Protein backbone atom coordinates (compact mmCIF):
# COMPACT_ATOMS: atom_id res chain seq x y z
CA MET A 1 -10.61 -10.80 21.16
CA ALA A 2 -8.17 -7.99 21.90
CA LEU A 3 -5.34 -8.82 19.54
CA LYS A 4 -2.57 -6.81 17.95
CA GLY A 5 0.89 -7.57 16.63
CA ASN A 6 2.85 -7.93 13.40
CA LEU A 7 2.48 -10.37 10.52
CA ARG A 8 6.14 -11.30 10.97
CA ASP A 9 5.15 -13.01 14.23
CA PHE A 10 1.49 -13.91 13.67
CA THR A 11 0.45 -14.68 10.09
CA LEU A 12 -2.83 -13.82 8.43
CA LEU A 13 -3.51 -17.56 8.16
CA GLN A 14 -3.32 -17.84 11.95
CA LEU A 15 -5.55 -14.78 12.36
CA PHE A 16 -8.16 -16.28 10.05
CA ASN A 17 -8.07 -19.52 11.98
CA LEU A 18 -8.73 -17.60 15.21
CA VAL A 19 -11.64 -15.65 13.73
CA ASN A 20 -13.09 -18.80 12.20
CA LEU A 21 -12.82 -20.99 15.29
CA ALA A 22 -13.97 -18.25 17.70
CA VAL A 23 -16.79 -17.18 15.32
CA LYS A 24 -15.79 -13.57 15.90
CA THR A 25 -17.38 -10.32 14.74
CA GLY A 26 -15.24 -7.23 14.22
CA SER A 27 -12.59 -5.72 11.97
CA LEU A 28 -8.98 -6.57 11.29
CA ILE A 29 -6.85 -3.56 10.32
CA ILE A 30 -3.42 -4.19 8.80
CA GLU A 31 -0.94 -1.39 8.11
CA ALA A 32 2.17 -1.98 6.00
CA ALA A 33 4.62 0.39 4.35
CA GLU A 34 2.93 0.10 0.96
CA ASP A 35 -0.75 0.17 1.95
CA LYS A 36 -3.41 -0.32 4.59
CA ALA A 37 -6.13 -2.99 4.59
CA HIS A 38 -9.45 -3.36 6.35
CA LEU A 39 -11.21 -6.72 6.68
CA ALA A 40 -14.58 -6.99 8.43
CA PHE A 41 -16.06 -10.20 9.83
CA ARG A 42 -19.51 -11.08 11.06
CA VAL A 43 -20.09 -14.24 13.12
CA GLY A 44 -16.89 -15.84 11.80
CA LYS A 45 -17.47 -15.00 8.14
CA LEU A 46 -15.79 -12.39 5.93
CA SER A 47 -18.23 -9.57 5.18
CA TYR A 48 -16.02 -6.82 3.71
CA GLY A 49 -12.48 -6.09 2.57
CA CYS A 50 -10.59 -3.23 0.99
CA PHE A 51 -7.20 -1.62 0.56
CA GLY A 52 -6.67 1.99 1.55
CA LYS A 53 -5.38 2.93 -1.91
CA ASP A 54 -8.36 1.40 -3.74
CA ASP A 55 -11.67 2.99 -4.55
CA ALA A 56 -13.68 0.36 -2.67
CA SER A 57 -17.03 1.98 -3.39
CA LEU A 58 -19.60 -0.09 -5.28
CA ALA A 59 -18.91 1.98 -8.41
CA GLY A 60 -15.16 1.42 -8.11
CA ILE A 61 -15.61 -2.33 -7.62
CA LEU A 62 -18.00 -2.56 -10.58
CA LEU A 63 -15.43 -0.75 -12.73
CA ARG A 64 -12.61 -3.02 -11.55
CA GLY A 65 -14.78 -6.05 -12.29
CA ASN A 66 -15.51 -4.76 -15.84
CA LYS A 67 -19.21 -4.49 -15.06
CA ILE A 68 -19.29 -0.81 -16.00
CA ASN A 69 -16.99 1.26 -18.21
CA ALA A 70 -14.95 4.33 -17.33
CA GLY A 71 -17.62 6.69 -18.67
CA GLN A 72 -20.36 5.09 -16.59
CA TYR A 73 -18.11 5.13 -13.55
CA ARG A 74 -17.48 8.87 -14.01
CA ILE A 75 -21.21 9.61 -14.31
CA ILE A 76 -21.96 7.62 -11.15
CA ARG A 77 -19.22 9.44 -9.24
CA GLU A 78 -20.42 12.84 -10.46
CA ARG A 79 -24.17 12.35 -9.98
CA GLY A 80 -24.32 9.82 -7.19
CA THR A 81 -22.03 11.41 -4.64
CA GLN A 82 -24.81 11.54 -2.04
CA LEU A 83 -25.77 7.88 -2.47
CA SER A 84 -24.42 5.12 -0.27
CA ASP A 85 -23.41 1.84 -1.89
CA GLN A 86 -26.60 0.26 -0.59
CA GLU A 87 -28.72 3.03 -2.12
CA LEU A 88 -26.81 2.91 -5.40
CA GLY A 89 -27.12 -0.86 -5.56
CA LEU A 90 -30.88 -0.71 -4.97
CA LEU A 91 -31.20 1.99 -7.65
CA MET A 92 -29.34 -0.16 -10.19
CA ILE A 93 -31.41 -3.23 -9.34
CA ASN A 94 -34.71 -1.32 -9.68
CA ALA A 95 -33.53 0.17 -12.99
CA GLY A 96 -32.78 -3.32 -14.32
CA TYR A 97 -29.04 -2.81 -14.80
CA PHE A 98 -28.08 -5.58 -12.37
CA THR A 99 -29.72 -8.22 -10.23
CA GLN A 100 -29.02 -8.52 -6.54
CA ASP A 101 -27.01 -11.67 -7.27
CA ASP A 102 -24.91 -9.77 -9.84
CA ILE A 103 -23.90 -7.14 -7.30
CA LEU A 104 -23.22 -9.64 -4.53
CA ALA A 105 -21.10 -11.74 -6.92
CA VAL A 106 -18.84 -8.84 -7.95
CA LEU A 107 -18.42 -7.79 -4.30
CA HIS A 108 -17.67 -11.41 -3.35
CA ASP A 109 -14.93 -11.62 -6.00
CA TYR A 110 -13.40 -8.29 -4.99
CA TYR A 111 -13.31 -9.09 -1.27
CA ILE A 112 -11.72 -12.49 -1.94
CA GLY A 113 -9.18 -10.79 -4.21
CA VAL A 114 -8.26 -8.45 -1.36
CA VAL A 115 -7.70 -11.42 0.95
CA HIS A 116 -5.59 -13.30 -1.61
CA LYS A 117 -3.41 -10.22 -2.05
CA LEU A 118 -3.10 -9.84 1.71
CA PHE A 119 -1.91 -13.42 2.06
CA GLU A 120 1.24 -12.30 0.22
CA TRP A 121 2.05 -9.78 2.96
CA THR A 122 4.69 -11.01 5.37
CA ASP A 123 5.14 -7.76 7.31
CA GLY A 124 2.69 -5.24 8.72
CA ALA A 125 1.22 -4.13 12.03
CA PHE A 126 -2.31 -5.36 12.75
CA TYR A 127 -5.03 -5.06 15.35
CA PHE A 128 -8.48 -6.58 15.73
CA ASP A 129 -11.31 -4.31 16.88
CA GLU A 130 -14.53 -6.03 17.93
CA ASN A 131 -16.39 -2.72 17.89
CA LEU A 132 -15.47 -1.81 14.32
CA GLN A 133 -17.90 -3.15 11.72
CA THR A 134 -18.35 -2.90 7.95
CA PRO A 135 -18.17 0.82 7.03
CA GLU A 136 -21.57 2.48 7.04
CA GLY A 137 -23.33 2.38 3.67
CA ARG A 138 -21.17 -0.41 2.23
CA ILE A 139 -22.76 -3.71 1.18
CA PRO A 140 -21.65 -6.67 3.34
CA VAL A 141 -21.51 -10.25 2.08
CA ARG A 142 -21.07 -13.61 3.83
CA ILE A 143 -17.97 -15.57 2.81
CA ASP A 144 -16.96 -18.76 4.61
CA LEU A 145 -13.36 -18.67 5.82
CA GLU A 146 -12.59 -22.36 5.36
CA ASN A 147 -11.78 -22.09 1.64
CA LEU A 148 -9.73 -18.95 2.23
CA ILE A 149 -7.76 -20.78 4.92
CA ILE A 150 -7.07 -23.61 2.46
CA ASP A 151 -5.92 -21.04 -0.13
CA ALA A 152 -3.61 -19.48 2.45
CA THR A 153 -2.15 -22.86 3.36
CA ARG A 154 -1.35 -23.54 -0.30
CA LEU A 155 0.15 -20.09 -0.68
CA THR A 156 2.31 -20.58 2.41
CA TYR A 157 3.66 -23.83 0.97
CA GLU A 158 4.29 -22.14 -2.39
CA ARG A 159 6.10 -19.22 -0.73
CA GLU A 160 8.34 -21.57 1.23
CA MET A 161 9.17 -23.53 -1.91
CA LEU A 162 10.02 -20.38 -3.86
CA GLU A 163 12.17 -19.05 -1.01
CA ASP A 164 14.10 -22.33 -1.09
CA GLU A 165 14.62 -22.02 -4.85
CA ILE A 166 15.37 -18.26 -4.77
CA PRO A 167 16.62 -17.58 -1.22
CA SER A 168 17.77 -13.99 -1.82
CA LEU A 169 16.34 -11.11 -3.83
CA ASP A 170 19.80 -9.56 -3.83
CA MET A 171 20.75 -11.86 -6.70
CA ALA A 172 20.57 -10.88 -10.36
CA VAL A 173 19.60 -12.81 -13.49
CA LYS A 174 21.05 -13.01 -16.97
CA PHE A 175 19.84 -14.60 -20.17
CA ASN A 176 20.75 -18.24 -20.45
CA ASP A 177 23.10 -18.80 -23.39
CA ARG A 178 21.25 -21.60 -25.13
CA PRO A 179 21.77 -21.35 -28.91
CA GLY A 180 18.95 -22.80 -30.94
CA ALA A 181 16.12 -22.25 -28.46
CA ASN A 182 12.78 -21.90 -30.22
CA LEU A 183 11.44 -18.52 -29.11
CA GLU A 184 8.21 -19.01 -31.03
CA LYS A 185 7.17 -21.49 -28.33
CA ILE A 186 7.87 -19.09 -25.45
CA ARG A 187 4.64 -17.58 -24.15
CA LEU A 188 4.96 -15.03 -21.37
CA ASN A 189 2.24 -12.96 -19.71
CA PRO A 190 2.52 -9.13 -19.56
CA GLU A 191 4.09 -9.12 -16.08
CA GLU A 192 6.72 -11.64 -17.17
CA TRP A 193 7.57 -9.53 -20.23
CA LYS A 194 8.04 -6.49 -17.99
CA VAL A 195 10.49 -8.41 -15.81
CA VAL A 196 12.35 -9.78 -18.85
CA ASN A 197 12.91 -6.20 -19.98
CA TYR A 198 15.06 -5.66 -16.87
CA VAL A 199 17.08 -8.87 -17.09
CA ASN A 200 20.60 -7.53 -16.67
CA PRO A 201 23.52 -8.65 -14.47
CA LYS A 202 23.52 -5.14 -12.96
CA ASN A 203 19.95 -5.39 -11.66
CA THR A 204 19.06 -7.26 -8.48
CA LEU A 205 15.68 -8.95 -8.17
CA ARG A 206 14.87 -6.57 -5.32
CA GLN A 207 15.50 -3.55 -7.56
CA ILE A 208 13.34 -5.01 -10.32
CA SER A 209 10.48 -5.82 -7.95
CA ARG A 210 10.49 -2.31 -6.47
CA THR A 211 10.62 -0.67 -9.89
CA LEU A 212 7.69 -2.76 -11.18
CA HIS A 213 5.80 -2.61 -7.84
CA LEU A 214 5.82 -6.40 -7.43
CA THR A 215 5.68 -8.18 -4.10
CA GLU A 216 8.48 -10.55 -3.09
CA LEU A 217 6.21 -13.49 -3.88
CA GLU A 218 5.31 -12.10 -7.30
CA ILE A 219 8.92 -11.51 -8.37
CA ARG A 220 9.94 -14.96 -7.12
CA LYS A 221 7.06 -16.57 -9.06
CA ILE A 222 8.05 -14.84 -12.28
CA ILE A 223 11.77 -15.52 -11.94
CA TYR A 224 11.10 -19.15 -11.04
CA ALA A 225 8.97 -19.55 -14.18
CA LEU A 226 11.75 -17.99 -16.31
CA LEU A 227 14.31 -20.27 -14.67
CA GLN A 228 12.19 -23.35 -15.34
CA ALA A 229 11.74 -22.28 -18.98
CA GLY A 230 15.52 -22.03 -19.33
CA ILE A 231 15.36 -18.35 -20.33
CA VAL A 232 17.46 -16.96 -17.47
CA GLU A 233 19.87 -18.08 -14.76
CA LEU A 234 20.64 -16.66 -11.30
CA ILE A 235 23.97 -14.87 -10.80
CA ARG A 236 25.59 -12.41 -8.41
CA PRO A 237 25.16 -8.77 -9.51
CA SER A 238 28.00 -7.60 -11.77
CA GLY A 239 31.16 -6.67 -9.91
CA LEU A 240 29.81 -7.46 -6.45
CA PRO A 241 31.50 -10.18 -4.40
CA VAL A 242 29.40 -12.39 -2.13
CA ALA A 243 30.46 -10.58 1.06
CA VAL A 244 29.36 -7.12 -0.12
CA SER A 245 26.12 -5.81 1.43
CA LEU A 246 23.42 -5.02 -1.13
CA GLY A 247 21.17 -3.06 1.21
CA LYS A 248 21.36 0.22 -0.68
CA GLN A 249 18.96 0.11 -3.60
CA THR A 250 19.25 1.92 -6.91
CA THR A 251 16.95 2.09 -9.91
CA PRO A 252 17.61 -0.85 -12.22
CA VAL A 253 18.52 -0.24 -15.83
CA PRO A 254 16.55 -1.83 -18.66
CA VAL A 255 18.19 -4.34 -20.97
CA VAL A 256 20.47 -2.68 -23.55
CA SER A 257 21.04 -4.57 -26.77
CA LYS A 258 24.67 -5.62 -27.29
CA PRO A 259 26.31 -8.01 -29.73
CA GLN A 260 25.30 -11.35 -28.24
CA ILE A 261 24.35 -14.76 -29.48
CA SER A 262 21.30 -15.10 -31.74
CA LEU A 263 19.02 -16.29 -28.95
CA VAL A 264 19.45 -13.19 -26.79
CA ASN A 265 19.20 -10.78 -29.74
CA ARG A 266 15.97 -12.37 -30.90
CA LEU A 267 14.47 -12.27 -27.39
CA ILE A 268 15.35 -8.60 -26.89
CA ASN A 269 13.99 -7.66 -30.33
CA ARG A 270 10.77 -9.47 -29.52
CA ILE A 271 10.42 -7.53 -26.25
CA ARG A 272 11.00 -4.19 -27.98
CA SER A 273 8.45 -4.94 -30.71
CA MET A 274 5.60 -5.37 -28.19
């Protein structure tokens, strides 16, 4: 299957469907502005996946999966530089540190995580190479594509819904003036707290996402959750009429405390105390 193009025109979901239905073997390489990805398939099943910026060695994946600590990772990298992942895995199994199932499970989770992250990409050049296999020395697995295709379908629906709710990232958000809101009941995850710290009419969602290295889907998810909780509301950036182009990006400014109603002051103080 000689195939190349861009995710704008041919989605990863469609590519997975092709590989699955044609029971293909080979590698899919995707290059975007922020990173590069490599997925390998064998007889229609996912066998390997990594991002160019990641340490996708067995040691790096074990560290990311909290199976080893930073000190152990450093020792492996210093003393095991001549070992392939397959050799290192066999050494760990024989030494009793892990079972074969343990190692395959952590690789399985990492490769699926790579795919889930890739499903958020909407732009990037790709090509499929039937002659390119899993990199030499890496440990391949066998992951059915059907469940990944279902995940991608759900994600596509979610993305479309969020784009309907938040059609433009060139909008800003401000705190919703709701006196009497009970902040003790508001539970945000760390990524949501980071975004809240930049809630300011001067900051566009695009600026916030670039500053915090969030994808368009991630920033939309977080803002949608904050909107549903009644914490923020969408507005045009301060001083910018609708017709003005917002293409030029600047670094957003964090929230600065000003005399406001009790709700906003309490929320800002809570952010700063974390």
